[in-house]
Amino acid sequence: MDAAKAAALIATPGAMIALQGTLSLVAILLVVLAARAMKLGGDVRIRDEAHARELADEAICGFTPVDIAIDRASIGALLRDAAGRILLIRRHGSHFVARLLTSHAGVRLDRHFLTLSTDDARFGTITLDLGPQAQVWASSLRRLGASA
């Protein structure tokens, strides 16, 4: 192809738009492949009780749970230590966040589901499917008091 034909093709608006679209699609695919190669994102879940213990220790250094309840979907957990403190862990994007529960004011029980909110509005509300353990945990959360 000679220079005049190449210049005419580039000057065509439709050809430039198609070229830009193709290059954008290639760039997006390269970013997706790079993210997968680095194992970024994904569906993060609490694997088991050992993982929940690790997350608790990362959130509050020295928090050693004696009782653990992991949501059936593995997106959250409740952990109690020997001092009676209760830690709520929940998924936040591709990470986990945790808060100590200081009140039972934001706790609602619906059969096997326990809905919890904290004093921190940024933490949000989470509903955990704890199965038969939900009633036991709801009962124990009442001991926290009505407010912080």
Protein backbone atom coordinates (compact mmCIF):
# COMPACT_ATOMS: atom_id res chain seq x y z
CA MET A 1 0.00 0.00 0.00
CA ASP A 2 1.45 3.34 -0.95
CA ALA A 3 1.58 6.41 1.27
CA ALA A 4 -1.31 8.15 -0.47
CA LYS A 5 -3.70 5.23 0.10
CA ALA A 6 -2.59 4.93 3.76
CA ALA A 7 -3.15 8.65 4.29
CA ALA A 8 -6.60 8.41 2.70
CA LEU A 9 -7.51 5.45 4.94
CA ILE A 10 -6.36 7.28 8.07
CA ALA A 11 -8.31 10.37 7.02
CA THR A 12 -11.52 8.31 6.88
CA PRO A 13 -13.37 8.91 10.20
CA GLY A 14 -14.85 5.40 10.34
CA ALA A 15 -11.44 3.75 9.96
CA MET A 16 -9.94 5.79 12.79
CA ILE A 17 -12.85 4.98 15.11
CA ALA A 18 -12.54 1.27 14.31
CA LEU A 19 -8.78 1.38 14.92
CA GLN A 20 -9.22 3.17 18.26
CA GLY A 21 -11.92 0.71 19.32
CA THR A 22 -9.74 -2.26 18.42
CA LEU A 23 -6.73 -0.87 20.28
CA SER A 24 -8.90 -0.09 23.34
CA LEU A 25 -10.25 -3.64 23.37
CA VAL A 26 -6.73 -5.08 23.15
CA ALA A 27 -5.60 -2.82 26.02
CA ILE A 28 -8.54 -3.91 28.20
CA LEU A 29 -7.78 -7.58 27.54
CA LEU A 30 -4.14 -7.03 28.50
CA VAL A 31 -5.20 -5.38 31.78
CA VAL A 32 -7.55 -8.30 32.56
CA LEU A 33 -4.79 -10.83 31.84
CA ALA A 34 -2.33 -8.89 34.02
CA ALA A 35 -4.85 -8.74 36.91
CA ARG A 36 -5.44 -12.50 36.68
CA ALA A 37 -1.71 -13.19 36.55
CA MET A 38 -1.26 -11.13 39.75
CA LYS A 39 -4.32 -12.82 41.32
CA LEU A 40 -6.04 -9.51 42.01
CA GLY A 41 -9.73 -9.27 42.83
CA GLY A 42 -11.62 -12.51 42.76
CA ASP A 43 -14.22 -13.91 45.08
CA VAL A 44 -12.71 -13.61 48.55
CA ARG A 45 -14.18 -15.89 51.24
CA ILE A 46 -13.31 -16.93 54.79
CA ARG A 47 -11.83 -20.38 54.18
CA ASP A 48 -12.15 -21.91 57.64
CA GLU A 49 -11.81 -21.20 61.36
CA ALA A 50 -8.04 -20.86 61.08
CA HIS A 51 -8.47 -18.17 58.45
CA ALA A 52 -11.04 -16.40 60.65
CA ARG A 53 -8.56 -16.48 63.56
CA GLU A 54 -5.88 -14.99 61.32
CA LEU A 55 -8.21 -12.20 60.19
CA ALA A 56 -9.17 -11.46 63.80
CA ASP A 57 -5.52 -11.20 64.85
CA GLU A 58 -4.83 -8.87 61.91
CA ALA A 59 -7.75 -6.65 62.93
CA ILE A 60 -7.00 -6.59 66.66
CA CYS A 61 -3.57 -7.75 67.69
CA GLY A 62 -3.85 -10.46 70.32
CA PHE A 63 -7.56 -11.17 69.77
CA THR A 64 -7.77 -14.91 70.43
CA PRO A 65 -11.23 -16.29 69.73
CA VAL A 66 -12.67 -19.12 71.79
CA ASP A 67 -15.90 -19.33 69.79
CA ILE A 68 -16.31 -18.79 66.03
CA ALA A 69 -19.35 -18.74 63.76
CA ILE A 70 -18.73 -18.42 60.03
CA ASP A 71 -21.50 -17.41 57.65
CA ARG A 72 -22.61 -20.25 55.34
CA ALA A 73 -21.56 -18.15 52.32
CA SER A 74 -18.20 -17.46 54.06
CA ILE A 75 -18.54 -13.69 53.63
CA GLY A 76 -18.52 -12.88 57.35
CA ALA A 77 -17.93 -14.26 60.81
CA LEU A 78 -18.57 -13.62 64.49
CA LEU A 79 -15.78 -14.37 66.95
CA ARG A 80 -15.82 -14.26 70.76
CA ASP A 81 -12.71 -14.12 72.92
CA ALA A 82 -12.26 -15.26 76.52
CA ALA A 83 -13.03 -11.74 77.80
CA GLY A 84 -16.46 -11.84 76.12
CA ARG A 85 -15.61 -9.33 73.39
CA ILE A 86 -17.31 -10.07 70.08
CA LEU A 87 -15.66 -9.25 66.78
CA LEU A 88 -17.60 -9.01 63.53
CA ILE A 89 -15.63 -9.68 60.35
CA ARG A 90 -17.13 -8.96 56.95
CA ARG A 91 -15.99 -8.86 53.38
CA HIS A 92 -15.34 -5.42 51.93
CA GLY A 93 -14.41 -5.64 48.25
CA SER A 94 -11.46 -7.99 47.97
CA HIS A 95 -10.47 -7.57 51.63
CA PHE A 96 -11.99 -8.08 55.05
CA VAL A 97 -12.84 -5.49 57.69
CA ALA A 98 -13.64 -6.02 61.36
CA ARG A 99 -15.31 -4.16 64.22
CA LEU A 100 -15.81 -4.97 67.87
CA LEU A 101 -19.50 -5.05 68.70
CA THR A 102 -20.32 -2.82 71.64
CA SER A 103 -24.11 -2.95 71.61
CA HIS A 104 -26.95 -5.26 70.68
CA ALA A 105 -28.97 -2.32 69.34
CA GLY A 106 -28.25 -3.16 65.69
CA VAL A 107 -28.93 -6.90 65.97
CA ARG A 108 -31.95 -8.59 64.38
CA LEU A 109 -32.66 -12.32 64.28
CA ASP A 110 -34.77 -13.95 61.56
CA ARG A 111 -34.63 -17.73 61.95
CA HIS A 112 -31.14 -18.68 60.76
CA PHE A 113 -30.19 -15.15 59.71
CA LEU A 114 -28.55 -12.62 61.99
CA THR A 115 -28.47 -9.01 60.75
CA LEU A 116 -25.85 -6.83 62.42
CA SER A 117 -24.90 -3.18 62.26
CA THR A 118 -22.30 -1.33 64.28
CA ASP A 119 -21.98 2.16 65.70
CA ASP A 120 -19.77 2.93 62.67
CA ALA A 121 -22.12 3.86 59.80
CA ARG A 122 -19.29 3.39 57.28
CA PHE A 123 -19.10 -0.30 58.22
CA GLY A 124 -22.63 -0.86 57.02
CA THR A 125 -25.03 -3.67 57.82
CA ILE A 126 -24.47 -7.35 57.13
CA THR A 127 -26.78 -10.34 57.28
CA LEU A 128 -25.07 -13.58 58.24
CA ASP A 129 -26.58 -17.01 57.61
CA LEU A 130 -25.36 -18.84 60.71
CA GLY A 131 -27.85 -21.68 60.59
CA PRO A 132 -28.96 -22.94 64.01
CA GLN A 133 -26.09 -20.99 65.64
CA ALA A 134 -27.84 -17.69 64.82
CA GLN A 135 -30.18 -17.99 67.81
CA VAL A 136 -27.32 -18.78 70.19
CA TRP A 137 -25.28 -15.81 68.95
CA ALA A 138 -28.29 -13.45 69.07
CA SER A 139 -28.87 -14.46 72.67
CA SER A 140 -25.25 -13.89 73.62
CA LEU A 141 -25.21 -10.51 71.86
CA ARG A 142 -28.01 -9.28 74.16
CA ARG A 143 -25.45 -9.30 76.99
CA LEU A 144 -23.57 -6.45 75.30
CA GLY A 145 -26.05 -3.83 76.50
CA ALA A 146 -28.27 -1.43 74.60
CA SER A 147 -25.65 1.19 73.72
CA ALA A 148 -21.91 1.74 73.74
